[in-house]
């Protein structure tokens, strides 16, 4: 992720600013709420996501002279086509554990947050949890 962000920022820095504030755009990374409360047996995953969570503020400060913002989304459980037929089982397990709404996340909600991040130029150097207030238990 760091390498992709580095290369993306270099390409963005070569572009003309797109607004009167000198903005050249935003990099949106994806982490996971596992960065905050990974489950037993998920140490490598939690550590990797923790590294992603640690990047946006420092990257935003480093890239601010170039007019590049950095924001990270930390989603909870999301129902995606990648789960295939197991999606119904995962929804039945995780859905009731989400305080509100009592379901797994959906990709349109993720896309709407990305759009809002792009449109709101005051969002910078931040991690936004997108999890319906879900907190992973230890197991």
N, C-alpha and C. Protein backbone atom coordinates (compact mmCIF):
# COMPACT_ATOMS: atom_id res chain seq x y z
N UNK A 1 0.82 -1.18 0.00
CA UNK A 1 0.00 0.00 0.00
C UNK A 1 0.87 1.25 0.00
N UNK A 2 1.93 1.22 0.77
CA UNK A 2 2.81 2.40 0.82
C UNK A 2 3.38 2.69 -0.57
N UNK A 3 3.81 1.66 -1.28
CA UNK A 3 4.41 1.87 -2.59
C UNK A 3 3.39 2.43 -3.59
N UNK A 4 2.18 1.90 -3.57
CA UNK A 4 1.13 2.42 -4.47
C UNK A 4 0.82 3.87 -4.11
N UNK A 5 0.75 4.18 -2.81
CA UNK A 5 0.48 5.56 -2.40
C UNK A 5 1.62 6.48 -2.86
N UNK A 6 2.84 6.02 -2.73
CA UNK A 6 4.00 6.82 -3.14
C UNK A 6 3.94 7.13 -4.64
N UNK A 7 3.66 6.11 -5.44
CA UNK A 7 3.61 6.30 -6.89
C UNK A 7 2.41 7.16 -7.30
N UNK A 8 1.29 6.97 -6.62
CA UNK A 8 0.10 7.78 -6.91
C UNK A 8 0.35 9.24 -6.58
N UNK A 9 0.95 9.49 -5.42
CA UNK A 9 1.24 10.88 -5.02
C UNK A 9 2.19 11.54 -6.00
N UNK A 10 3.17 10.80 -6.50
CA UNK A 10 4.10 11.37 -7.48
C UNK A 10 3.37 11.78 -8.76
N UNK A 11 2.45 10.93 -9.22
CA UNK A 11 1.68 11.26 -10.43
C UNK A 11 0.75 12.45 -10.17
N UNK A 12 0.12 12.48 -9.01
CA UNK A 12 -0.78 13.58 -8.68
C UNK A 12 -0.02 14.90 -8.58
N UNK A 13 1.19 14.86 -8.05
CA UNK A 13 1.99 16.07 -7.86
C UNK A 13 2.34 16.73 -9.20
N UNK A 14 2.35 15.96 -10.27
CA UNK A 14 2.69 16.50 -11.59
C UNK A 14 1.48 17.17 -12.26
N UNK A 15 0.30 17.00 -11.69
CA UNK A 15 -0.92 17.58 -12.27
C UNK A 15 -1.08 19.02 -11.83
N UNK A 16 -1.81 19.77 -12.62
CA UNK A 16 -2.15 21.14 -12.23
C UNK A 16 -3.17 21.08 -11.09
N UNK A 17 -3.11 22.03 -10.16
CA UNK A 17 -4.12 22.06 -9.09
C UNK A 17 -5.52 22.16 -9.70
N UNK A 18 -6.47 21.51 -9.03
CA UNK A 18 -7.83 21.48 -9.56
C UNK A 18 -8.76 22.49 -8.91
N UNK A 19 -8.25 23.25 -7.93
CA UNK A 19 -9.10 24.25 -7.29
C UNK A 19 -8.25 25.45 -6.88
N UNK A 20 -8.91 26.47 -6.38
CA UNK A 20 -8.22 27.69 -5.98
C UNK A 20 -7.35 27.53 -4.74
N UNK A 21 -7.51 26.43 -4.02
CA UNK A 21 -6.71 26.17 -2.83
C UNK A 21 -5.45 25.38 -3.13
N UNK A 22 -5.20 25.09 -4.39
CA UNK A 22 -4.02 24.32 -4.77
C UNK A 22 -4.17 22.82 -4.62
N UNK A 23 -5.41 22.36 -4.45
CA UNK A 23 -5.66 20.93 -4.27
C UNK A 23 -5.45 20.13 -5.54
N UNK A 24 -4.80 18.99 -5.37
CA UNK A 24 -4.56 18.08 -6.49
C UNK A 24 -5.28 16.75 -6.31
N UNK A 25 -6.10 16.66 -5.25
CA UNK A 25 -6.87 15.43 -5.08
C UNK A 25 -6.62 14.76 -3.76
N UNK A 26 -7.15 13.55 -3.66
CA UNK A 26 -7.10 12.80 -2.41
C UNK A 26 -6.77 11.33 -2.68
N UNK A 27 -5.99 10.77 -1.80
CA UNK A 27 -5.70 9.33 -1.82
C UNK A 27 -6.56 8.72 -0.72
N UNK A 28 -7.37 7.73 -1.08
CA UNK A 28 -8.22 7.05 -0.11
C UNK A 28 -7.72 5.61 0.01
N UNK A 29 -7.24 5.26 1.20
CA UNK A 29 -6.77 3.91 1.48
C UNK A 29 -7.83 3.14 2.27
N UNK A 30 -7.69 1.83 2.29
CA UNK A 30 -8.61 0.98 3.03
C UNK A 30 -7.83 0.17 4.05
N UNK A 31 -8.30 0.22 5.29
CA UNK A 31 -7.73 -0.60 6.36
C UNK A 31 -8.82 -1.59 6.79
N UNK A 32 -9.05 -1.71 8.08
CA UNK A 32 -10.09 -2.58 8.64
C UNK A 32 -10.21 -2.25 10.11
N UNK A 33 -11.40 -2.50 10.67
CA UNK A 33 -11.52 -2.32 12.11
C UNK A 33 -10.67 -3.33 12.86
N UNK A 34 -10.18 -4.35 12.17
CA UNK A 34 -9.26 -5.31 12.79
C UNK A 34 -7.98 -4.61 13.24
N UNK A 35 -7.67 -3.45 12.69
CA UNK A 35 -6.51 -2.68 13.14
C UNK A 35 -6.67 -2.27 14.59
N UNK A 36 -7.91 -2.12 15.05
CA UNK A 36 -8.19 -1.69 16.41
C UNK A 36 -8.51 -2.85 17.35
N UNK A 37 -9.22 -3.84 16.85
CA UNK A 37 -9.60 -4.96 17.71
C UNK A 37 -9.60 -6.27 16.93
N UNK A 38 -8.41 -6.64 16.45
CA UNK A 38 -8.29 -7.91 15.75
C UNK A 38 -8.63 -9.07 16.65
N UNK A 39 -9.08 -10.14 16.04
CA UNK A 39 -9.49 -11.31 16.80
C UNK A 39 -8.34 -12.28 17.01
N UNK A 40 -8.54 -13.20 17.93
CA UNK A 40 -7.53 -14.22 18.20
C UNK A 40 -7.21 -14.94 16.89
N UNK A 41 -5.92 -15.08 16.62
CA UNK A 41 -5.47 -15.73 15.40
C UNK A 41 -5.30 -14.79 14.22
N UNK A 42 -5.58 -13.51 14.40
CA UNK A 42 -5.50 -12.54 13.31
C UNK A 42 -4.33 -11.58 13.47
N UNK A 43 -3.31 -11.96 14.20
CA UNK A 43 -2.21 -11.03 14.46
C UNK A 43 -1.60 -10.45 13.17
N UNK A 44 -1.27 -11.26 12.17
CA UNK A 44 -0.69 -10.66 10.95
C UNK A 44 -1.65 -9.68 10.27
N UNK A 45 -2.93 -10.05 10.22
CA UNK A 45 -3.91 -9.17 9.57
C UNK A 45 -4.07 -7.87 10.36
N UNK A 46 -4.20 -7.98 11.69
CA UNK A 46 -4.36 -6.78 12.52
C UNK A 46 -3.13 -5.88 12.43
N UNK A 47 -1.95 -6.47 12.41
CA UNK A 47 -0.73 -5.67 12.32
C UNK A 47 -0.63 -4.96 10.98
N UNK A 48 -0.98 -5.66 9.91
CA UNK A 48 -0.94 -5.03 8.57
C UNK A 48 -1.92 -3.87 8.50
N UNK A 49 -3.13 -4.08 8.99
CA UNK A 49 -4.14 -3.02 8.96
C UNK A 49 -3.77 -1.89 9.90
N UNK A 50 -3.11 -2.21 11.02
CA UNK A 50 -2.63 -1.17 11.93
C UNK A 50 -1.61 -0.27 11.25
N UNK A 51 -0.78 -0.84 10.39
CA UNK A 51 0.17 -0.03 9.63
C UNK A 51 -0.54 0.94 8.70
N UNK A 52 -1.62 0.49 8.08
CA UNK A 52 -2.39 1.35 7.18
C UNK A 52 -3.06 2.47 7.98
N UNK A 53 -3.58 2.15 9.16
CA UNK A 53 -4.22 3.14 10.02
C UNK A 53 -3.20 4.19 10.48
N UNK A 54 -1.94 3.81 10.60
CA UNK A 54 -0.92 4.74 11.05
C UNK A 54 -0.42 5.71 9.98
N UNK A 55 -0.82 5.52 8.74
CA UNK A 55 -0.28 6.33 7.65
C UNK A 55 -0.97 7.65 7.33
N UNK A 56 -2.29 7.80 7.43
CA UNK A 56 -2.93 8.98 6.83
C UNK A 56 -2.49 10.32 7.39
N UNK A 57 -2.33 10.44 8.69
CA UNK A 57 -1.96 11.75 9.24
C UNK A 57 -0.56 12.16 8.80
N UNK A 58 0.38 11.25 8.90
CA UNK A 58 1.76 11.58 8.51
C UNK A 58 1.84 11.82 7.01
N UNK A 59 1.17 10.97 6.23
CA UNK A 59 1.18 11.15 4.78
C UNK A 59 0.51 12.46 4.39
N UNK A 60 -0.60 12.81 5.05
CA UNK A 60 -1.29 14.07 4.75
C UNK A 60 -0.38 15.26 5.05
N UNK A 61 0.36 15.18 6.14
CA UNK A 61 1.28 16.27 6.47
C UNK A 61 2.41 16.36 5.45
N UNK A 62 2.94 15.20 5.06
CA UNK A 62 4.03 15.19 4.08
C UNK A 62 3.58 15.69 2.71
N UNK A 63 2.36 15.36 2.33
CA UNK A 63 1.86 15.69 0.99
C UNK A 63 1.11 17.01 0.92
N UNK A 64 0.86 17.64 2.06
CA UNK A 64 0.10 18.89 2.05
C UNK A 64 0.74 19.99 1.22
N UNK A 65 2.08 20.13 1.18
CA UNK A 65 2.64 21.17 0.32
C UNK A 65 2.32 20.97 -1.17
N UNK A 66 1.99 19.73 -1.53
CA UNK A 66 1.65 19.41 -2.92
C UNK A 66 0.14 19.49 -3.17
N UNK A 67 -0.64 19.75 -2.13
CA UNK A 67 -2.09 19.83 -2.29
C UNK A 67 -2.76 18.48 -2.39
N UNK A 68 -2.15 17.45 -1.78
CA UNK A 68 -2.70 16.09 -1.83
C UNK A 68 -3.17 15.71 -0.43
N UNK A 69 -4.42 15.29 -0.35
CA UNK A 69 -4.99 14.83 0.91
C UNK A 69 -4.90 13.31 1.00
N UNK A 70 -4.93 12.78 2.24
CA UNK A 70 -4.90 11.33 2.46
C UNK A 70 -5.92 10.99 3.54
N UNK A 71 -6.81 10.07 3.23
CA UNK A 71 -7.83 9.61 4.17
C UNK A 71 -7.89 8.09 4.07
N UNK A 72 -8.10 7.44 5.21
CA UNK A 72 -8.23 5.98 5.24
C UNK A 72 -9.61 5.62 5.76
N UNK A 73 -10.21 4.63 5.13
CA UNK A 73 -11.47 4.07 5.60
C UNK A 73 -11.17 2.74 6.28
N UNK A 74 -11.73 2.54 7.47
CA UNK A 74 -11.59 1.27 8.20
C UNK A 74 -12.97 0.62 8.26
N UNK A 75 -13.29 -0.22 7.28
CA UNK A 75 -14.61 -0.84 7.28
C UNK A 75 -14.68 -2.00 8.27
N UNK A 76 -15.91 -2.26 8.69
CA UNK A 76 -16.18 -3.46 9.47
C UNK A 76 -16.48 -4.60 8.51
N UNK A 77 -17.49 -5.38 8.82
CA UNK A 77 -17.85 -6.50 7.95
C UNK A 77 -18.69 -5.97 6.79
N UNK A 78 -18.30 -6.34 5.58
CA UNK A 78 -19.00 -5.91 4.37
C UNK A 78 -19.34 -7.13 3.54
N UNK A 79 -20.57 -7.18 3.09
CA UNK A 79 -21.05 -8.25 2.24
C UNK A 79 -20.68 -7.91 0.80
N UNK A 80 -19.80 -8.69 0.22
CA UNK A 80 -19.36 -8.45 -1.15
C UNK A 80 -19.53 -9.72 -1.98
N UNK A 81 -19.55 -9.60 -3.29
CA UNK A 81 -19.65 -10.78 -4.15
C UNK A 81 -18.49 -11.77 -3.96
N UNK A 82 -17.39 -11.33 -3.40
CA UNK A 82 -16.24 -12.23 -3.19
C UNK A 82 -16.61 -13.40 -2.28
N UNK A 83 -17.61 -13.23 -1.43
CA UNK A 83 -18.01 -14.32 -0.54
C UNK A 83 -18.81 -15.40 -1.25
N UNK A 84 -19.33 -15.10 -2.43
CA UNK A 84 -20.10 -16.09 -3.18
C UNK A 84 -21.29 -16.57 -2.38
N UNK A 85 -21.50 -17.89 -2.40
CA UNK A 85 -22.66 -18.47 -1.72
C UNK A 85 -22.52 -18.42 -0.20
N UNK A 86 -21.32 -18.20 0.32
CA UNK A 86 -21.12 -18.10 1.78
C UNK A 86 -21.63 -16.76 2.32
N UNK A 87 -21.98 -15.83 1.45
CA UNK A 87 -22.45 -14.52 1.89
C UNK A 87 -23.66 -14.59 2.80
N UNK A 88 -24.60 -15.47 2.49
CA UNK A 88 -25.79 -15.60 3.33
C UNK A 88 -25.43 -16.06 4.73
N UNK A 89 -24.51 -17.01 4.84
CA UNK A 89 -24.07 -17.50 6.15
C UNK A 89 -23.35 -16.40 6.94
N UNK A 90 -22.51 -15.65 6.26
CA UNK A 90 -21.79 -14.57 6.93
C UNK A 90 -22.75 -13.47 7.39
N UNK A 91 -23.72 -13.15 6.55
CA UNK A 91 -24.73 -12.15 6.93
C UNK A 91 -25.51 -12.62 8.15
N UNK A 92 -25.86 -13.89 8.19
CA UNK A 92 -26.61 -14.43 9.33
C UNK A 92 -25.77 -14.38 10.61
N UNK A 93 -24.46 -14.56 10.47
CA UNK A 93 -23.58 -14.52 11.65
C UNK A 93 -23.26 -13.08 12.07
N UNK A 94 -22.78 -12.26 11.14
CA UNK A 94 -22.31 -10.92 11.48
C UNK A 94 -23.43 -9.89 11.58
N UNK A 95 -24.44 -10.00 10.76
CA UNK A 95 -25.51 -9.01 10.74
C UNK A 95 -26.08 -8.67 12.11
N UNK A 96 -26.50 -9.67 12.89
CA UNK A 96 -27.08 -9.38 14.21
C UNK A 96 -26.07 -8.78 15.21
N UNK A 97 -24.78 -8.88 14.94
CA UNK A 97 -23.77 -8.35 15.85
C UNK A 97 -23.49 -6.86 15.63
N UNK A 98 -23.96 -6.34 14.50
CA UNK A 98 -23.77 -4.92 14.20
C UNK A 98 -24.87 -4.14 14.93
N UNK A 99 -24.49 -3.17 15.79
CA UNK A 99 -25.52 -2.43 16.53
C UNK A 99 -26.56 -1.74 15.64
N UNK A 100 -26.13 -1.03 14.62
CA UNK A 100 -27.09 -0.41 13.70
C UNK A 100 -26.38 0.09 12.46
N UNK A 101 -26.82 -0.23 11.28
CA UNK A 101 -27.95 -1.11 11.01
C UNK A 101 -27.56 -2.57 11.26
N UNK A 102 -28.49 -3.40 11.63
CA UNK A 102 -28.23 -4.79 11.99
C UNK A 102 -28.04 -5.64 10.72
N UNK A 103 -26.95 -5.35 10.06
CA UNK A 103 -26.58 -6.07 8.84
C UNK A 103 -25.13 -5.75 8.53
N UNK A 104 -24.56 -6.52 7.64
CA UNK A 104 -23.22 -6.21 7.16
C UNK A 104 -23.29 -4.99 6.25
N UNK A 105 -22.16 -4.33 6.09
CA UNK A 105 -22.09 -3.20 5.18
C UNK A 105 -22.31 -3.62 3.74
N UNK A 106 -22.64 -2.65 2.92
CA UNK A 106 -22.86 -2.88 1.49
C UNK A 106 -21.94 -1.95 0.70
N UNK A 107 -21.55 -2.38 -0.46
CA UNK A 107 -20.61 -1.58 -1.27
C UNK A 107 -21.14 -0.20 -1.62
N UNK A 108 -22.44 0.03 -1.86
CA UNK A 108 -22.89 1.40 -2.12
C UNK A 108 -22.60 2.36 -0.96
N UNK A 109 -22.66 1.87 0.28
CA UNK A 109 -22.34 2.72 1.42
C UNK A 109 -20.87 3.09 1.44
N UNK A 110 -20.01 2.14 1.08
CA UNK A 110 -18.58 2.42 1.00
C UNK A 110 -18.32 3.45 -0.11
N UNK A 111 -18.93 3.24 -1.26
CA UNK A 111 -18.76 4.16 -2.39
C UNK A 111 -19.24 5.56 -2.05
N UNK A 112 -20.35 5.66 -1.32
CA UNK A 112 -20.87 6.98 -0.93
C UNK A 112 -19.89 7.70 0.00
N UNK A 113 -19.22 6.95 0.89
CA UNK A 113 -18.24 7.58 1.76
C UNK A 113 -17.04 8.05 0.95
N UNK A 114 -16.57 7.27 0.02
CA UNK A 114 -15.45 7.69 -0.83
C UNK A 114 -15.83 8.96 -1.59
N UNK A 115 -17.04 9.01 -2.13
CA UNK A 115 -17.48 10.20 -2.85
C UNK A 115 -17.48 11.41 -1.92
N UNK A 116 -17.98 11.24 -0.70
CA UNK A 116 -18.01 12.36 0.24
C UNK A 116 -16.60 12.82 0.59
N UNK A 117 -15.69 11.87 0.78
CA UNK A 117 -14.29 12.23 1.07
C UNK A 117 -13.72 13.05 -0.08
N UNK A 118 -14.00 12.65 -1.29
CA UNK A 118 -13.49 13.38 -2.46
C UNK A 118 -14.07 14.79 -2.53
N UNK A 119 -15.32 14.93 -2.19
CA UNK A 119 -16.00 16.22 -2.32
C UNK A 119 -15.73 17.16 -1.14
N UNK A 120 -15.40 16.64 0.02
CA UNK A 120 -15.20 17.46 1.21
C UNK A 120 -13.71 17.64 1.44
N UNK A 121 -13.17 18.78 0.99
CA UNK A 121 -11.73 18.97 1.03
C UNK A 121 -11.17 19.25 2.42
N UNK A 122 -12.03 19.30 3.43
CA UNK A 122 -11.53 19.44 4.81
C UNK A 122 -11.24 18.09 5.45
N UNK A 123 -11.64 17.00 4.80
CA UNK A 123 -11.29 15.68 5.31
C UNK A 123 -9.87 15.36 4.87
N UNK A 124 -8.99 15.25 5.84
CA UNK A 124 -7.58 15.03 5.52
C UNK A 124 -6.89 14.46 6.75
N UNK A 125 -6.01 13.49 6.54
CA UNK A 125 -5.21 12.93 7.62
C UNK A 125 -6.02 12.13 8.62
N UNK A 126 -7.10 11.54 8.19
CA UNK A 126 -8.04 10.92 9.11
C UNK A 126 -8.32 9.47 8.75
N UNK A 127 -8.70 8.69 9.77
CA UNK A 127 -9.23 7.34 9.57
C UNK A 127 -10.71 7.39 9.94
N UNK A 128 -11.55 6.93 9.04
CA UNK A 128 -12.98 6.91 9.28
C UNK A 128 -13.44 5.45 9.38
N UNK A 129 -13.99 5.10 10.54
CA UNK A 129 -14.57 3.77 10.71
C UNK A 129 -15.91 3.73 10.00
N UNK A 130 -16.16 2.65 9.28
CA UNK A 130 -17.42 2.45 8.57
C UNK A 130 -17.93 1.07 8.98
N UNK A 131 -18.55 1.01 10.17
CA UNK A 131 -18.80 -0.31 10.75
C UNK A 131 -20.11 -0.45 11.52
N UNK A 132 -20.99 0.56 11.50
CA UNK A 132 -22.24 0.45 12.23
C UNK A 132 -22.06 0.27 13.73
N UNK A 133 -20.92 0.73 14.26
CA UNK A 133 -20.55 0.63 15.68
C UNK A 133 -20.19 -0.79 16.09
N UNK A 134 -19.85 -1.64 15.13
CA UNK A 134 -19.42 -3.02 15.43
C UNK A 134 -18.05 -2.99 16.10
N UNK A 135 -17.89 -3.79 17.12
CA UNK A 135 -16.59 -4.03 17.74
C UNK A 135 -16.37 -5.53 17.75
N UNK A 136 -15.24 -5.97 17.22
CA UNK A 136 -14.95 -7.40 17.17
C UNK A 136 -14.70 -7.95 18.57
N UNK A 137 -15.30 -9.07 18.90
CA UNK A 137 -14.96 -9.74 20.16
C UNK A 137 -13.61 -10.46 19.98
N UNK A 138 -13.01 -10.93 21.08
CA UNK A 138 -11.72 -11.62 20.94
C UNK A 138 -11.76 -12.83 20.01
N UNK A 139 -12.88 -13.56 20.01
CA UNK A 139 -13.01 -14.76 19.16
C UNK A 139 -14.15 -14.59 18.18
